[in-house]
N, C-alpha and C. Protein backbone atom coordinates (compact mmCIF):
# COMPACT_ATOMS: atom_id res chain seq x y z
N UNK A 1 -53.20 -17.26 10.25
CA UNK A 1 -52.92 -16.46 11.47
C UNK A 1 -51.52 -16.24 11.68
N UNK A 2 -51.14 -15.11 12.17
CA UNK A 2 -49.70 -14.79 12.46
C UNK A 2 -49.32 -15.50 13.69
N UNK A 3 -48.18 -16.16 13.66
CA UNK A 3 -47.61 -16.73 14.83
C UNK A 3 -46.65 -15.60 15.48
N UNK A 4 -46.68 -15.81 16.87
CA UNK A 4 -45.75 -14.78 17.52
C UNK A 4 -44.35 -15.24 17.52
N UNK A 5 -43.46 -14.38 17.50
CA UNK A 5 -42.04 -14.75 17.74
C UNK A 5 -41.86 -14.97 19.23
N UNK A 6 -40.83 -15.69 19.55
CA UNK A 6 -40.58 -16.01 21.00
C UNK A 6 -40.63 -14.83 21.92
N UNK A 7 -40.04 -13.71 21.58
CA UNK A 7 -40.02 -12.58 22.38
C UNK A 7 -41.41 -12.02 22.58
N UNK A 8 -42.14 -12.03 21.57
CA UNK A 8 -43.58 -11.49 21.53
C UNK A 8 -44.45 -12.39 22.54
N UNK A 9 -44.20 -13.67 22.34
CA UNK A 9 -44.98 -14.69 23.31
C UNK A 9 -44.60 -14.42 24.74
N UNK A 10 -43.27 -13.99 24.90
CA UNK A 10 -42.87 -13.69 26.36
C UNK A 10 -43.51 -12.51 26.89
N UNK A 11 -43.72 -11.40 26.03
CA UNK A 11 -44.39 -10.20 26.45
C UNK A 11 -45.84 -10.46 26.69
N UNK A 12 -46.48 -11.23 25.89
CA UNK A 12 -47.83 -11.56 26.02
C UNK A 12 -48.06 -12.39 27.32
N UNK A 13 -47.13 -13.33 27.66
CA UNK A 13 -47.12 -13.99 28.96
C UNK A 13 -47.00 -13.04 30.20
N UNK A 14 -46.01 -12.10 30.07
CA UNK A 14 -45.84 -11.19 31.13
C UNK A 14 -47.07 -10.38 31.41
N UNK A 15 -47.66 -9.83 30.29
CA UNK A 15 -48.79 -9.04 30.50
C UNK A 15 -50.03 -9.83 31.05
N UNK A 16 -50.15 -11.00 30.64
CA UNK A 16 -51.28 -11.91 31.11
C UNK A 16 -50.95 -12.19 32.71
N UNK A 17 -49.76 -12.35 33.03
CA UNK A 17 -49.43 -12.66 34.41
C UNK A 17 -49.68 -11.37 35.36
N UNK A 18 -49.31 -10.22 34.77
CA UNK A 18 -49.53 -8.98 35.48
C UNK A 18 -51.05 -8.79 35.72
N UNK A 19 -51.84 -9.06 34.69
CA UNK A 19 -53.20 -8.81 34.71
C UNK A 19 -53.90 -9.73 35.68
N UNK A 20 -53.45 -10.97 35.73
CA UNK A 20 -53.93 -11.93 36.73
C UNK A 20 -53.68 -11.53 38.15
N UNK A 21 -52.47 -11.02 38.26
CA UNK A 21 -51.90 -10.69 39.65
C UNK A 21 -52.40 -9.32 40.06
N UNK A 22 -52.49 -8.37 39.26
CA UNK A 22 -52.71 -6.90 39.68
C UNK A 22 -54.05 -6.46 39.39
N UNK A 23 -54.68 -6.94 38.23
CA UNK A 23 -55.91 -6.31 37.87
C UNK A 23 -57.10 -7.17 38.29
N UNK A 24 -57.05 -8.42 37.98
CA UNK A 24 -58.13 -9.41 38.30
C UNK A 24 -58.66 -9.19 39.73
N UNK A 25 -57.77 -9.22 40.80
CA UNK A 25 -58.25 -9.08 42.12
C UNK A 25 -59.04 -7.91 42.63
N UNK A 26 -58.82 -6.79 41.73
CA UNK A 26 -59.52 -5.52 42.06
C UNK A 26 -60.60 -4.97 41.08
N UNK A 27 -60.56 -5.68 39.92
CA UNK A 27 -61.46 -5.08 38.87
C UNK A 27 -62.87 -4.97 39.31
N UNK A 28 -63.49 -5.96 40.02
CA UNK A 28 -64.84 -5.85 40.31
C UNK A 28 -65.13 -4.89 41.26
N UNK A 29 -64.25 -4.54 42.24
CA UNK A 29 -64.51 -3.48 43.21
C UNK A 29 -64.47 -2.08 42.50
N UNK A 30 -63.48 -2.02 41.59
CA UNK A 30 -63.34 -0.78 40.83
C UNK A 30 -64.57 -0.53 40.00
N UNK A 31 -65.08 -1.57 39.40
CA UNK A 31 -66.33 -1.30 38.60
C UNK A 31 -67.52 -0.87 39.43
N UNK A 32 -67.66 -1.44 40.67
CA UNK A 32 -68.84 -1.20 41.44
C UNK A 32 -68.67 0.19 42.11
N UNK A 33 -67.46 0.59 42.29
CA UNK A 33 -67.22 1.91 42.95
C UNK A 33 -67.14 3.08 41.90
N UNK A 34 -67.14 2.69 40.69
CA UNK A 34 -67.06 3.57 39.55
C UNK A 34 -65.75 4.54 39.82
N UNK A 35 -64.66 3.87 40.15
CA UNK A 35 -63.45 4.55 40.45
C UNK A 35 -62.55 4.44 39.34
N UNK A 36 -61.78 5.52 39.03
CA UNK A 36 -60.63 5.51 38.00
C UNK A 36 -59.44 4.90 38.75
N UNK A 37 -58.88 3.88 38.27
CA UNK A 37 -57.77 3.24 38.97
C UNK A 37 -56.36 3.91 38.42
N UNK A 38 -56.15 5.12 38.86
CA UNK A 38 -54.92 5.79 38.47
C UNK A 38 -53.67 5.10 38.67
N UNK A 39 -53.52 4.56 39.85
CA UNK A 39 -52.30 3.73 40.20
C UNK A 39 -52.07 2.54 39.29
N UNK A 40 -53.30 1.86 39.12
CA UNK A 40 -53.21 0.63 38.35
C UNK A 40 -52.81 1.04 36.88
N UNK A 41 -53.46 2.07 36.41
CA UNK A 41 -53.06 2.54 34.97
C UNK A 41 -51.61 3.00 34.91
N UNK A 42 -51.21 3.68 35.91
CA UNK A 42 -49.66 4.09 35.90
C UNK A 42 -48.81 2.93 35.86
N UNK A 43 -49.09 1.90 36.66
CA UNK A 43 -48.19 0.68 36.77
C UNK A 43 -48.31 -0.06 35.40
N UNK A 44 -49.42 0.01 34.74
CA UNK A 44 -49.51 -0.72 33.50
C UNK A 44 -48.62 -0.16 32.45
N UNK A 45 -48.09 1.01 32.54
CA UNK A 45 -47.22 1.58 31.50
C UNK A 45 -45.82 1.03 31.67
């Protein structure tokens, strides 16, 4: 298996932290309301 370079690992950590902070708290509500999360998608870029 490929090991990540230090910078790649940092990017993975940042994305994970963002997901935990921004996505996880609202994902269930979005799924139940069948809502497209435009603002969330925009911020993910």
